[in-house]
Amino acid sequence: MPDTAMLLAAASGQQGPGNVLRIVLVVSVVGAALLAWFLLRGYRN
């Protein structure tokens, strides 16, 4: 995970904290959608 921290630090240094927050929100929404799909997949039957 140190690589991720370095990438976030570089992104915040170049683009400002607004874009990093936007990236974190998009990743969390996509992750929540994938988690919901994975959990609800078993209830389809």
N, C-alpha and C. Protein backbone atom coordinates (compact mmCIF):
# COMPACT_ATOMS: atom_id res chain seq x y z
N MET A 1 0.79 -1.22 0.00
CA MET A 1 0.00 0.00 0.00
C MET A 1 0.83 1.28 0.00
N PRO A 2 2.14 1.24 0.21
CA PRO A 2 2.89 2.50 0.14
C PRO A 2 2.83 3.14 -1.24
N ASP A 3 2.72 2.33 -2.29
CA ASP A 3 2.63 2.89 -3.64
C ASP A 3 1.36 3.70 -3.79
N THR A 4 0.26 3.24 -3.22
CA THR A 4 -1.00 3.97 -3.30
C THR A 4 -0.89 5.30 -2.58
N ALA A 5 -0.25 5.30 -1.42
CA ALA A 5 -0.08 6.54 -0.67
C ALA A 5 0.77 7.53 -1.46
N MET A 6 1.81 7.03 -2.13
CA MET A 6 2.65 7.93 -2.92
C MET A 6 1.90 8.48 -4.11
N LEU A 7 1.06 7.65 -4.75
CA LEU A 7 0.27 8.13 -5.87
C LEU A 7 -0.73 9.19 -5.44
N LEU A 8 -1.38 8.97 -4.29
CA LEU A 8 -2.32 9.97 -3.79
C LEU A 8 -1.61 11.27 -3.43
N ALA A 9 -0.43 11.17 -2.85
CA ALA A 9 0.32 12.37 -2.50
C ALA A 9 0.74 13.13 -3.76
N ALA A 10 1.15 12.41 -4.78
CA ALA A 10 1.54 13.05 -6.03
C ALA A 10 0.33 13.69 -6.70
N ALA A 11 -0.79 12.99 -6.68
CA ALA A 11 -2.00 13.54 -7.31
C ALA A 11 -2.47 14.78 -6.57
N SER A 12 -2.41 14.76 -5.24
CA SER A 12 -2.86 15.93 -4.49
C SER A 12 -1.90 17.09 -4.68
N GLY A 13 -0.63 16.81 -4.87
CA GLY A 13 0.32 17.88 -5.09
C GLY A 13 0.15 18.53 -6.46
N GLN A 14 -0.29 17.76 -7.43
CA GLN A 14 -0.42 18.29 -8.78
C GLN A 14 -1.80 18.88 -9.04
N GLN A 15 -2.85 18.26 -8.51
CA GLN A 15 -4.20 18.61 -8.92
C GLN A 15 -5.03 19.23 -7.82
N GLY A 16 -4.57 19.17 -6.59
CA GLY A 16 -5.35 19.70 -5.50
C GLY A 16 -6.21 18.62 -4.86
N PRO A 17 -6.71 18.87 -3.66
CA PRO A 17 -7.45 17.84 -2.92
C PRO A 17 -8.83 17.54 -3.50
N GLY A 18 -9.38 18.44 -4.31
CA GLY A 18 -10.71 18.20 -4.86
C GLY A 18 -10.77 17.00 -5.78
N ASN A 19 -9.76 16.86 -6.63
CA ASN A 19 -9.74 15.73 -7.56
C ASN A 19 -9.48 14.42 -6.85
N VAL A 20 -8.64 14.45 -5.81
CA VAL A 20 -8.38 13.23 -5.04
C VAL A 20 -9.66 12.78 -4.35
N LEU A 21 -10.40 13.73 -3.80
CA LEU A 21 -11.66 13.38 -3.15
C LEU A 21 -12.64 12.81 -4.16
N ARG A 22 -12.67 13.37 -5.35
CA ARG A 22 -13.55 12.86 -6.41
C ARG A 22 -13.17 11.43 -6.79
N ILE A 23 -11.87 11.15 -6.89
CA ILE A 23 -11.40 9.81 -7.23
C ILE A 23 -11.79 8.82 -6.13
N VAL A 24 -11.59 9.22 -4.88
CA VAL A 24 -11.94 8.34 -3.76
C VAL A 24 -13.44 8.05 -3.75
N LEU A 25 -14.27 9.06 -4.02
CA LEU A 25 -15.72 8.85 -4.04
C LEU A 25 -16.12 7.91 -5.18
N VAL A 26 -15.55 8.10 -6.36
CA VAL A 26 -15.89 7.24 -7.50
C VAL A 26 -15.49 5.80 -7.22
N VAL A 27 -14.29 5.62 -6.67
CA VAL A 27 -13.82 4.25 -6.37
C VAL A 27 -14.70 3.60 -5.32
N SER A 28 -15.11 4.38 -4.30
CA SER A 28 -15.96 3.80 -3.26
C SER A 28 -17.35 3.44 -3.80
N VAL A 29 -17.90 4.25 -4.69
CA VAL A 29 -19.22 3.95 -5.27
C VAL A 29 -19.13 2.71 -6.15
N VAL A 30 -18.08 2.61 -6.95
CA VAL A 30 -17.90 1.42 -7.79
C VAL A 30 -17.69 0.18 -6.93
N GLY A 31 -16.91 0.32 -5.86
CA GLY A 31 -16.68 -0.80 -4.96
C GLY A 31 -17.96 -1.24 -4.26
N ALA A 32 -18.79 -0.27 -3.86
CA ALA A 32 -20.06 -0.62 -3.22
C ALA A 32 -20.98 -1.33 -4.20
N ALA A 33 -21.00 -0.89 -5.45
CA ALA A 33 -21.83 -1.54 -6.46
C ALA A 33 -21.36 -2.97 -6.72
N LEU A 34 -20.06 -3.17 -6.80
CA LEU A 34 -19.54 -4.53 -7.01
C LEU A 34 -19.82 -5.42 -5.80
N LEU A 35 -19.70 -4.87 -4.60
CA LEU A 35 -19.99 -5.64 -3.40
C LEU A 35 -21.47 -6.02 -3.34
N ALA A 36 -22.35 -5.08 -3.68
CA ALA A 36 -23.78 -5.38 -3.69
C ALA A 36 -24.10 -6.45 -4.73
N TRP A 37 -23.49 -6.35 -5.91
CA TRP A 37 -23.72 -7.36 -6.94
C TRP A 37 -23.24 -8.72 -6.47
N PHE A 38 -22.08 -8.76 -5.83
CA PHE A 38 -21.52 -10.03 -5.38
C PHE A 38 -22.38 -10.66 -4.29
N LEU A 39 -22.89 -9.83 -3.36
CA LEU A 39 -23.70 -10.36 -2.27
C LEU A 39 -25.09 -10.76 -2.74
N LEU A 40 -25.67 -9.97 -3.62
CA LEU A 40 -27.04 -10.26 -4.08
C LEU A 40 -27.08 -11.34 -5.15
N ARG A 41 -25.93 -11.71 -5.70
CA ARG A 41 -25.87 -12.74 -6.72
C ARG A 41 -26.37 -14.07 -6.18
N GLY A 42 -26.11 -14.34 -4.92
CA GLY A 42 -26.52 -15.62 -4.33
C GLY A 42 -28.00 -15.70 -4.05
N TYR A 43 -28.69 -14.56 -3.99
CA TYR A 43 -30.11 -14.57 -3.69
C TYR A 43 -30.97 -14.62 -4.94
N ARG A 44 -30.36 -14.76 -6.10
CA ARG A 44 -31.12 -14.74 -7.35
C ARG A 44 -31.98 -15.99 -7.50
N ASN A 45 -31.52 -17.12 -6.97
CA ASN A 45 -32.24 -18.38 -7.18
C ASN A 45 -33.56 -18.42 -6.45
